[in-house]
Structures are given as C-alpha cells and as structure tokens.
Amino acid sequence: MSKDVEINIDRKLCTGCGICIKFCPKDVLDESDDLNQYGNHFAEVVAEEECIVCRRCELYCPDFAIEVEER
C-alpha cells in the first residue's frame, strides 16, 4: 500500500550521480532524458504512487537535492 507522498528533486542541485535511483527499493526514480543547467541528467520521479517513504533517496543524496514529504 502506497502512502500519500510528494517527492521534490531540485534539478539545480542534482548532479545526476544516480545514487537515489540505485537505493530506491520500489523504482520510484529514474534518470531524466533532459539535462539541467550544468549538463547533467538529473533524477526524476516516475512512480510516486509506489513510494513507501523509506527516505533512502533523501538520506543518501550527497547533494541534498531530494526532499520527501508525507502528506
């Protein structure tokens, strides 16, 4: 059962390292086809309804680019 959650990714801070994508147990995130202002493929939310609010993406992001909010 998914929770009511909002995942915010700051494209300006994301370096496209992919750590959040690798650590997500539910494949909520994926690499964007678009580039941010620095030429990086930033992470994007592709299945927010699958999020279990484990916050691994938020915790492991070395750039503090992800915020998970439970509504």
PDB file of N, CA and C in Angstrom:
ATOM      1  N   MET A   1       0.840  -1.184   0.000  1.00  0.00           N
ATOM      2  CA  MET A   1       0.000   0.000   0.000  1.00  0.00           C
ATOM      3  C   MET A   1       0.882   1.243   0.000  1.00  0.00           C
ATOM      4  N   SER A   2       0.657   2.132  -0.943  1.00  0.00           N
ATOM      5  CA  SER A   2       1.462   3.343  -1.026  1.00  0.00           C
ATOM      6  C   SER A   2       0.914   4.414  -0.091  1.00  0.00           C
ATOM      7  N   LYS A   3       1.755   5.307   0.305  1.00  0.00           N
ATOM      8  CA  LYS A   3       1.367   6.409   1.177  1.00  0.00           C
ATOM      9  C   LYS A   3       1.196   7.662   0.342  1.00  0.00           C
ATOM     10  N   ASP A   4       0.511   8.654   0.908  1.00  0.00           N
ATOM     11  CA  ASP A   4       0.345   9.925   0.229  1.00  0.00           C
ATOM     12  C   ASP A   4       1.631  10.723   0.437  1.00  0.00           C
ATOM     13  N   VAL A   5       2.415  10.850  -0.623  1.00  0.00           N
ATOM     14  CA  VAL A   5       3.754  11.417  -0.505  1.00  0.00           C
ATOM     15  C   VAL A   5       4.043  12.333  -1.692  1.00  0.00           C
ATOM     16  N   GLU A   6       4.903  13.300  -1.451  1.00  0.00           N
ATOM     17  CA  GLU A   6       5.385  14.176  -2.517  1.00  0.00           C
ATOM     18  C   GLU A   6       6.911  14.149  -2.483  1.00  0.00           C
ATOM     19  N   ILE A   7       7.512  13.872  -3.629  1.00  0.00           N
ATOM     20  CA  ILE A   7       8.968  13.818  -3.733  1.00  0.00           C
ATOM     21  C   ILE A   7       9.413  14.995  -4.588  1.00  0.00           C
ATOM     22  N   ASN A   8      10.237  15.839  -4.013  1.00  0.00           N
ATOM     23  CA  ASN A   8      10.736  17.019  -4.718  1.00  0.00           C
ATOM     24  C   ASN A   8      12.224  16.858  -4.996  1.00  0.00           C
ATOM     25  N   ILE A   9      12.600  17.038  -6.249  1.00  0.00           N
ATOM     26  CA  ILE A   9      14.006  16.962  -6.645  1.00  0.00           C
ATOM     27  C   ILE A   9      14.415  18.315  -7.206  1.00  0.00           C
ATOM     28  N   ASP A  10      15.413  18.914  -6.602  1.00  0.00           N
ATOM     29  CA  ASP A  10      15.924  20.201  -7.063  1.00  0.00           C
ATOM     30  C   ASP A  10      16.885  19.954  -8.219  1.00  0.00           C
ATOM     31  N   ARG A  11      16.452  20.245  -9.413  1.00  0.00           N
ATOM     32  CA  ARG A  11      17.248  19.987 -10.622  1.00  0.00           C
ATOM     33  C   ARG A  11      18.556  20.764 -10.636  1.00  0.00           C
ATOM     34  N   LYS A  12      18.575  21.894  -9.976  1.00  0.00           N
ATOM     35  CA  LYS A  12      19.792  22.709  -9.940  1.00  0.00           C
ATOM     36  C   LYS A  12      20.863  22.080  -9.053  1.00  0.00           C
ATOM     37  N   LEU A  13      20.436  21.336  -8.039  1.00  0.00           N
ATOM     38  CA  LEU A  13      21.383  20.705  -7.121  1.00  0.00           C
ATOM     39  C   LEU A  13      21.784  19.303  -7.550  1.00  0.00           C
ATOM     40  N   CYS A  14      20.916  18.618  -8.285  1.00  0.00           N
ATOM     41  CA  CYS A  14      21.173  17.233  -8.681  1.00  0.00           C
ATOM     42  C   CYS A  14      22.340  17.154  -9.664  1.00  0.00           C
ATOM     43  N   THR A  15      23.301  16.291  -9.348  1.00  0.00           N
ATOM     44  CA  THR A  15      24.466  16.109 -10.230  1.00  0.00           C
ATOM     45  C   THR A  15      24.319  14.893 -11.136  1.00  0.00           C
ATOM     46  N   GLY A  16      23.207  14.174 -10.989  1.00  0.00           N
ATOM     47  CA  GLY A  16      22.974  13.006 -11.834  1.00  0.00           C
ATOM     48  C   GLY A  16      23.807  11.805 -11.454  1.00  0.00           C
ATOM     49  N   CYS A  17      24.212  11.694 -10.200  1.00  0.00           N
ATOM     50  CA  CYS A  17      25.069  10.583  -9.767  1.00  0.00           C
ATOM     51  C   CYS A  17      24.337   9.242  -9.781  1.00  0.00           C
ATOM     52  N   GLY A  18      23.008   9.258  -9.620  1.00  0.00           N
ATOM     53  CA  GLY A  18      22.221   8.037  -9.677  1.00  0.00           C
ATOM     54  C   GLY A  18      22.119   7.257  -8.383  1.00  0.00           C
ATOM     55  N   ILE A  19      22.688   7.770  -7.308  1.00  0.00           N
ATOM     56  CA  ILE A  19      22.634   7.061  -6.028  1.00  0.00           C
ATOM     57  C   ILE A  19      21.188   6.868  -5.577  1.00  0.00           C
ATOM     58  N   CYS A  20      20.380   7.885  -5.712  1.00  0.00           N
ATOM     59  CA  CYS A  20      18.978   7.786  -5.288  1.00  0.00           C
ATOM     60  C   CYS A  20      18.238   6.720  -6.084  1.00  0.00           C
ATOM     61  N   ILE A  21      18.534   6.619  -7.355  1.00  0.00           N
ATOM     62  CA  ILE A  21      17.891   5.632  -8.227  1.00  0.00           C
ATOM     63  C   ILE A  21      18.283   4.221  -7.804  1.00  0.00           C
ATOM     64  N   LYS A  22      19.553   4.029  -7.504  1.00  0.00           N
ATOM     65  CA  LYS A  22      20.050   2.704  -7.117  1.00  0.00           C
ATOM     66  C   LYS A  22      19.520   2.237  -5.766  1.00  0.00           C
ATOM     67  N   PHE A  23      19.331   3.164  -4.818  1.00  0.00           N
ATOM     68  CA  PHE A  23      18.912   2.793  -3.472  1.00  0.00           C
ATOM     69  C   PHE A  23      17.399   2.700  -3.297  1.00  0.00           C
ATOM     70  N   CYS A  24      16.621   3.159  -4.260  1.00  0.00           N
ATOM     71  CA  CYS A  24      15.164   3.109  -4.133  1.00  0.00           C
ATOM     72  C   CYS A  24      14.674   1.668  -4.294  1.00  0.00           C
ATOM     73  N   PRO A  25      14.034   1.113  -3.256  1.00  0.00           N
ATOM     74  CA  PRO A  25      13.579  -0.277  -3.335  1.00  0.00           C
ATOM     75  C   PRO A  25      12.351  -0.479  -4.219  1.00  0.00           C
ATOM     76  N   LYS A  26      11.692   0.593  -4.619  1.00  0.00           N
ATOM     77  CA  LYS A  26      10.451   0.491  -5.390  1.00  0.00           C
ATOM     78  C   LYS A  26      10.547   1.096  -6.785  1.00  0.00           C
ATOM     79  N   ASP A  27      11.751   1.439  -7.234  1.00  0.00           N
ATOM     80  CA  ASP A  27      11.959   2.021  -8.571  1.00  0.00           C
ATOM     81  C   ASP A  27      11.077   3.248  -8.825  1.00  0.00           C
ATOM     82  N   VAL A  28      11.036   4.117  -7.837  1.00  0.00           N
ATOM     83  CA  VAL A  28      10.242   5.343  -7.927  1.00  0.00           C
ATOM     84  C   VAL A  28      10.945   6.387  -8.795  1.00  0.00           C
ATOM     85  N   LEU A  29      12.268   6.332  -8.844  1.00  0.00           N
ATOM     86  CA  LEU A  29      13.059   7.337  -9.551  1.00  0.00           C
ATOM     87  C   LEU A  29      13.753   6.739 -10.761  1.00  0.00           C
ATOM     88  N   ASP A  30      14.048   7.615 -11.716  1.00  0.00           N
ATOM     89  CA  ASP A  30      14.812   7.206 -12.894  1.00  0.00           C
ATOM     90  C   ASP A  30      15.571   8.427 -13.396  1.00  0.00           C
ATOM     91  N   GLU A  31      16.507   8.200 -14.289  1.00  0.00           N
ATOM     92  CA  GLU A  31      17.284   9.289 -14.881  1.00  0.00           C
ATOM     93  C   GLU A  31      16.455   9.981 -15.962  1.00  0.00           C
ATOM     94  N   SER A  32      16.436  11.289 -15.915  1.00  0.00           N
ATOM     95  CA  SER A  32      15.695  12.069 -16.900  1.00  0.00           C
ATOM     96  C   SER A  32      16.415  12.071 -18.245  1.00  0.00           C
ATOM     97  N   ASP A  33      15.651  12.193 -19.306  1.00  0.00           N
ATOM     98  CA  ASP A  33      16.238  12.374 -20.632  1.00  0.00           C
ATOM     99  C   ASP A  33      16.720  13.807 -20.813  1.00  0.00           C
ATOM    100  N   ASP A  34      16.161  14.719 -20.015  1.00  0.00           N
ATOM    101  CA  ASP A  34      16.520  16.136 -20.091  1.00  0.00           C
ATOM    102  C   ASP A  34      17.799  16.408 -19.309  1.00  0.00           C
ATOM    103  N   LEU A  35      18.396  17.545 -19.570  1.00  0.00           N
ATOM    104  CA  LEU A  35      19.602  17.978 -18.868  1.00  0.00           C
ATOM    105  C   LEU A  35      19.297  19.210 -18.023  1.00  0.00           C
ATOM    106  N   ASN A  36      19.973  19.326 -16.885  1.00  0.00           N
ATOM    107  CA  ASN A  36      19.825  20.554 -16.106  1.00  0.00           C
ATOM    108  C   ASN A  36      20.814  21.596 -16.628  1.00  0.00           C
ATOM    109  N   GLN A  37      20.909  22.700 -15.969  1.00  0.00           N
ATOM    110  CA  GLN A  37      21.740  23.812 -16.436  1.00  0.00           C
ATOM    111  C   GLN A  37      23.229  23.486 -16.480  1.00  0.00           C
ATOM    112  N   TYR A  38      23.623  22.412 -15.790  1.00  0.00           N
ATOM    113  CA  TYR A  38      25.032  22.019 -15.781  1.00  0.00           C
ATOM    114  C   TYR A  38      25.332  20.864 -16.733  1.00  0.00           C
ATOM    115  N   GLY A  39      24.319  20.435 -17.474  1.00  0.00           N
ATOM    116  CA  GLY A  39      24.506  19.359 -18.433  1.00  0.00           C
ATOM    117  C   GLY A  39      24.394  17.965 -17.848  1.00  0.00           C
ATOM    118  N   ASN A  40      23.769  17.852 -16.678  1.00  0.00           N
ATOM    119  CA  ASN A  40      23.598  16.556 -16.027  1.00  0.00           C
ATOM    120  C   ASN A  40      22.196  16.010 -16.251  1.00  0.00           C
ATOM    121  N   HIS A  41      22.081  14.712 -16.446  1.00  0.00           N
ATOM    122  CA  HIS A  41      20.783  14.054 -16.486  1.00  0.00           C
ATOM    123  C   HIS A  41      20.341  13.886 -15.035  1.00  0.00           C
ATOM    124  N   PHE A  42      19.457  14.729 -14.589  1.00  0.00           N
ATOM    125  CA  PHE A  42      19.008  14.716 -13.202  1.00  0.00           C
ATOM    126  C   PHE A  42      18.025  13.568 -12.960  1.00  0.00           C
ATOM    127  N   ALA A  43      17.839  13.226 -11.700  1.00  0.00           N
ATOM    128  CA  ALA A  43      16.863  12.199 -11.319  1.00  0.00           C
ATOM    129  C   ALA A  43      15.469  12.798 -11.422  1.00  0.00           C
ATOM    130  N   GLU A  44      14.504  11.945 -11.775  1.00  0.00           N
ATOM    131  CA  GLU A  44      13.121  12.394 -11.808  1.00  0.00           C
ATOM    132  C   GLU A  44      12.214  11.314 -11.244  1.00  0.00           C
ATOM    133  N   VAL A  45      11.070  11.743 -10.756  1.00  0.00           N
ATOM    134  CA  VAL A  45      10.088  10.838 -10.178  1.00  0.00           C
ATOM    135  C   VAL A  45       9.275  10.231 -11.316  1.00  0.00           C
ATOM    136  N   VAL A  46       9.212   8.905 -11.359  1.00  0.00           N
ATOM    137  CA  VAL A  46       8.457   8.220 -12.411  1.00  0.00           C
ATOM    138  C   VAL A  46       7.312   7.367 -11.860  1.00  0.00           C
ATOM    139  N   ALA A  47       7.310   7.099 -10.561  1.00  0.00           N
ATOM    140  CA  ALA A  47       6.260   6.267  -9.968  1.00  0.00           C
ATOM    141  C   ALA A  47       6.037   6.665  -8.512  1.00  0.00           C
ATOM    142  N   GLU A  48       5.661   7.917  -8.295  1.00  0.00           N
ATOM    143  CA  GLU A  48       5.488   8.442  -6.941  1.00  0.00           C
ATOM    144  C   GLU A  48       4.500   7.606  -6.118  1.00  0.00           C
ATOM    145  N   GLU A  49       3.491   7.049  -6.775  1.00  0.00           N
ATOM    146  CA  GLU A  49       2.482   6.254  -6.068  1.00  0.00           C
ATOM    147  C   GLU A  49       3.052   4.970  -5.466  1.00  0.00           C
ATOM    148  N   GLU A  50       4.230   4.561  -5.911  1.00  0.00           N
ATOM    149  CA  GLU A  50       4.886   3.355  -5.386  1.00  0.00           C
ATOM    150  C   GLU A  50       5.764   3.638  -4.171  1.00  0.00           C
ATOM    151  N   CYS A  51       5.986   4.898  -3.867  1.00  0.00           N
ATOM    152  CA  CYS A  51       6.880   5.290  -2.766  1.00  0.00           C
ATOM    153  C   CYS A  51       6.362   4.773  -1.428  1.00  0.00           C
ATOM    154  N   ILE A  52       7.262   4.190  -0.645  1.00  0.00           N
ATOM    155  CA  ILE A  52       6.926   3.671   0.684  1.00  0.00           C
ATOM    156  C   ILE A  52       7.488   4.565   1.791  1.00  0.00           C
ATOM    157  N   VAL A  53       7.967   5.733   1.425  1.00  0.00           N
ATOM    158  CA  VAL A  53       8.503   6.745   2.333  1.00  0.00           C
ATOM    159  C   VAL A  53       9.643   6.201   3.187  1.00  0.00           C
ATOM    160  N   CYS A  54      10.518   5.437   2.575  1.00  0.00           N
ATOM    161  CA  CYS A  54      11.701   4.943   3.295  1.00  0.00           C
ATOM    162  C   CYS A  54      12.756   6.046   3.412  1.00  0.00           C
ATOM    163  N   ARG A  55      12.643   7.040   2.539  1.00  0.00           N
ATOM    164  CA  ARG A  55      13.540   8.206   2.527  1.00  0.00           C
ATOM    165  C   ARG A  55      14.991   7.885   2.190  1.00  0.00           C
ATOM    166  N   ARG A  56      15.244   6.717   1.619  1.00  0.00           N
ATOM    167  CA  ARG A  56      16.623   6.380   1.241  1.00  0.00           C
ATOM    168  C   ARG A  56      17.162   7.373   0.224  1.00  0.00           C
ATOM    169  N   CYS A  57      16.336   7.767  -0.716  1.00  0.00           N
ATOM    170  CA  CYS A  57      16.788   8.729  -1.734  1.00  0.00           C
ATOM    171  C   CYS A  57      17.230  10.032  -1.077  1.00  0.00           C
ATOM    172  N   GLU A  58      16.433  10.484  -0.131  1.00  0.00           N
ATOM    173  CA  GLU A  58      16.724  11.731   0.579  1.00  0.00           C
ATOM    174  C   GLU A  58      17.982  11.590   1.444  1.00  0.00           C
ATOM    175  N   LEU A  59      18.102  10.476   2.125  1.00  0.00           N
ATOM    176  CA  LEU A  59      19.230  10.257   3.032  1.00  0.00           C
ATOM    177  C   LEU A  59      20.565  10.060   2.321  1.00  0.00           C
ATOM    178  N   TYR A  60      20.549   9.357   1.193  1.00  0.00           N
ATOM    179  CA  TYR A  60      21.792   9.041   0.501  1.00  0.00           C
ATOM    180  C   TYR A  60      22.219  10.084  -0.529  1.00  0.00           C
ATOM    181  N   CYS A  61      21.359  11.043  -0.840  1.00  0.00           N
ATOM    182  CA  CYS A  61      21.720  12.065  -1.827  1.00  0.00           C
ATOM    183  C   CYS A  61      22.866  12.930  -1.301  1.00  0.00           C
ATOM    184  N   PRO A  62      24.023  12.874  -1.944  1.00  0.00           N
ATOM    185  CA  PRO A  62      25.175  13.636  -1.453  1.00  0.00           C
ATOM    186  C   PRO A  62      25.040  15.141  -1.701  1.00  0.00           C
ATOM    187  N   ASP A  63      24.086  15.521  -2.519  1.00  0.00           N
ATOM    188  CA  ASP A  63      23.922  16.935  -2.878  1.00  0.00           C
ATOM    189  C   ASP A  63      22.707  17.583  -2.226  1.00  0.00           C
ATOM    190  N   PHE A  64      22.003  16.839  -1.362  1.00  0.00           N
ATOM    191  CA  PHE A  64      20.805  17.338  -0.672  1.00  0.00           C
ATOM    192  C   PHE A  64      19.772  17.882  -1.663  1.00  0.00           C
ATOM    193  N   ALA A  65      19.612  17.175  -2.768  1.00  0.00           N
ATOM    194  CA  ALA A  65      18.720  17.629  -3.838  1.00  0.00           C
ATOM    195  C   ALA A  65      17.318  17.041  -3.744  1.00  0.00           C
ATOM    196  N   ILE A  66      17.093  16.124  -2.805  1.00  0.00           N
ATOM    197  CA  ILE A  66      15.797  15.448  -2.724  1.00  0.00           C
ATOM    198  C   ILE A  66      15.140  15.689  -1.367  1.00  0.00           C
ATOM    199  N   GLU A  67      13.849  15.974  -1.423  1.00  0.00           N
ATOM    200  CA  GLU A  67      13.057  16.127  -0.217  1.00  0.00           C
ATOM    201  C   GLU A  67      11.801  15.280  -0.367  1.00  0.00           C
ATOM    202  N   VAL A  68      11.563  14.436   0.621  1.00  0.00           N
ATOM    203  CA  VAL A  68      10.372  13.582   0.626  1.00  0.00           C
ATOM    204  C   VAL A  68       9.419  14.119   1.693  1.00  0.00           C
ATOM    205  N   GLU A  69       8.196  14.432   1.277  1.00  0.00           N
ATOM    206  CA  GLU A  69       7.199  14.966   2.204  1.00  0.00           C
ATOM    207  C   GLU A  69       5.996  14.040   2.250  1.00  0.00           C
ATOM    208  N   GLU A  70       5.669  13.604   3.441  1.00  0.00           N
ATOM    209  CA  GLU A  70       4.478  12.793   3.630  1.00  0.00           C
ATOM    210  C   GLU A  70       3.306  13.746   3.885  1.00  0.00           C
ATOM    211  N   ARG A  71       2.228  13.557   3.115  1.00  0.00           N
ATOM    212  CA  ARG A  71       1.055  14.449   3.263  1.00  0.00           C
ATOM    213  C   ARG A  71       0.021  13.817   4.154  1.00  0.00           C
TER     214      ARG A  71
END
